[in-house]
Protein backbone atom coordinates (compact mmCIF):
# COMPACT_ATOMS: atom_id res chain seq x y z
CA MET A 1 121.52 110.72 119.30
CA LYS A 2 121.99 114.07 117.55
CA VAL A 3 123.64 112.37 114.57
CA THR A 4 120.72 109.97 114.12
CA ARG A 5 118.20 112.81 114.30
CA PHE A 6 120.23 114.78 111.74
CA TYR A 7 120.16 111.86 109.29
CA GLN A 8 116.44 111.37 109.83
CA GLU A 9 115.75 115.03 109.03
CA GLU A 10 117.98 114.91 105.96
CA SER A 11 116.31 111.75 104.69
CA ARG A 12 112.87 113.37 105.13
CA LYS A 13 114.01 116.39 103.13
CA MET A 14 115.37 114.17 100.38
CA LEU A 15 112.16 112.12 100.25
CA SER A 16 109.98 115.22 100.05
CA THR A 17 112.15 116.60 97.23
CA LEU A 18 111.95 113.27 95.42
CA ALA A 19 108.18 113.08 95.88
CA ALA A 20 107.78 116.58 94.46
CA GLY A 21 109.70 115.57 91.33
CA VAL A 22 107.76 112.35 90.86
CA SER A 23 104.30 113.84 91.31
CA GLY A 24 104.54 115.71 88.00
CA ASN A 25 105.25 112.50 86.12
CA LEU A 26 102.83 110.31 88.01
CA SER A 27 100.23 110.34 85.24
CA ALA A 28 102.84 109.10 82.76
CA VAL A 29 103.77 106.27 85.08
CA GLY A 30 100.09 105.46 85.57
CA TYR A 31 99.49 105.35 81.84
CA GLY A 32 102.51 103.13 81.37
CA LEU A 33 101.06 100.68 83.86
CA ALA A 34 97.59 100.99 82.34
CA ALA A 35 98.94 100.21 78.86
CA ILE A 36 100.19 96.77 79.94
CA GLY A 37 96.68 95.28 80.01
CA PRO A 38 95.63 96.42 76.53
CA GLY A 39 98.99 95.34 75.17
CA ILE A 40 98.45 91.83 76.47
CA GLY A 41 94.84 91.91 75.26
CA VAL A 42 95.84 92.82 71.71
CA GLY A 43 98.32 89.96 71.70
CA ILE A 44 95.66 87.52 72.85
CA VAL A 45 93.15 88.74 70.24
CA PHE A 46 95.61 88.36 67.37
CA ALA A 47 96.86 85.01 68.66
CA ALA A 48 93.30 83.71 68.77
CA TYR A 49 92.68 84.91 65.20
CA ILE A 50 95.84 83.27 63.91
CA GLN A 51 95.02 80.03 65.70
CA ALA A 52 91.43 80.03 64.39
CA THR A 53 92.59 80.71 60.85
CA ALA A 54 95.22 77.99 61.06
CA ARG A 55 92.66 75.44 62.24
CA GLN A 56 89.89 76.45 59.82
CA PRO A 57 91.23 78.50 56.88
CA GLU A 58 87.77 78.85 55.30
CA SER A 59 86.53 80.91 58.24
CA ALA A 60 89.24 83.57 57.94
CA GLY A 61 86.80 86.11 56.48
CA LEU A 62 84.26 85.61 59.24
CA THR A 63 86.76 85.68 62.08
CA ARG A 64 88.50 88.76 60.67
CA THR A 65 85.44 90.80 61.64
CA TYR A 66 85.75 89.57 65.22
CA LEU A 67 89.47 90.32 65.12
CA PHE A 68 88.89 93.99 64.37
CA LEU A 69 86.03 94.26 66.86
CA GLY A 70 88.16 92.76 69.61
CA PHE A 71 91.10 94.95 68.68
CA ALA A 72 88.93 98.09 68.80
CA VAL A 73 87.47 97.22 72.19
CA VAL A 74 90.87 96.50 73.72
CA GLU A 75 92.43 99.64 72.27
CA ALA A 76 89.54 101.69 73.69
CA LEU A 77 90.85 100.73 77.13
CA ALA A 78 94.25 102.18 76.28
CA LEU A 79 92.66 105.39 75.06
CA LEU A 80 90.62 105.63 78.24
CA GLY A 81 93.83 105.21 80.23
CA ILE A 82 95.55 108.11 78.52
CA ALA A 83 92.41 110.27 78.76
CA PHE A 84 92.13 109.64 82.50
CA GLY A 85 95.77 110.58 82.85
CA PHE A 86 94.99 114.04 81.51
CA VAL A 87 91.68 114.40 83.34
CA PHE A 88 93.00 113.56 86.80
CA LYS A 89 96.20 115.57 86.41
């Protein structure tokens, strides 16, 4: 019984030490997770532009405007993610 209690106390100490080390880097982990969505969004925006241009090459000039608008909106989400990481630190 004493041995089990000793291991429980040691594991609690180790977990609290680990949690203290992770809490400083939690905003970086959060931003890493938040950057996944905009990364996928940028890929979808460019894939849609390439597909539209391949289907209708004459409309490349018109759809290029929408490409940059979509890219800017999606990248704004990534910038918000990094800003919130600093704000809620």
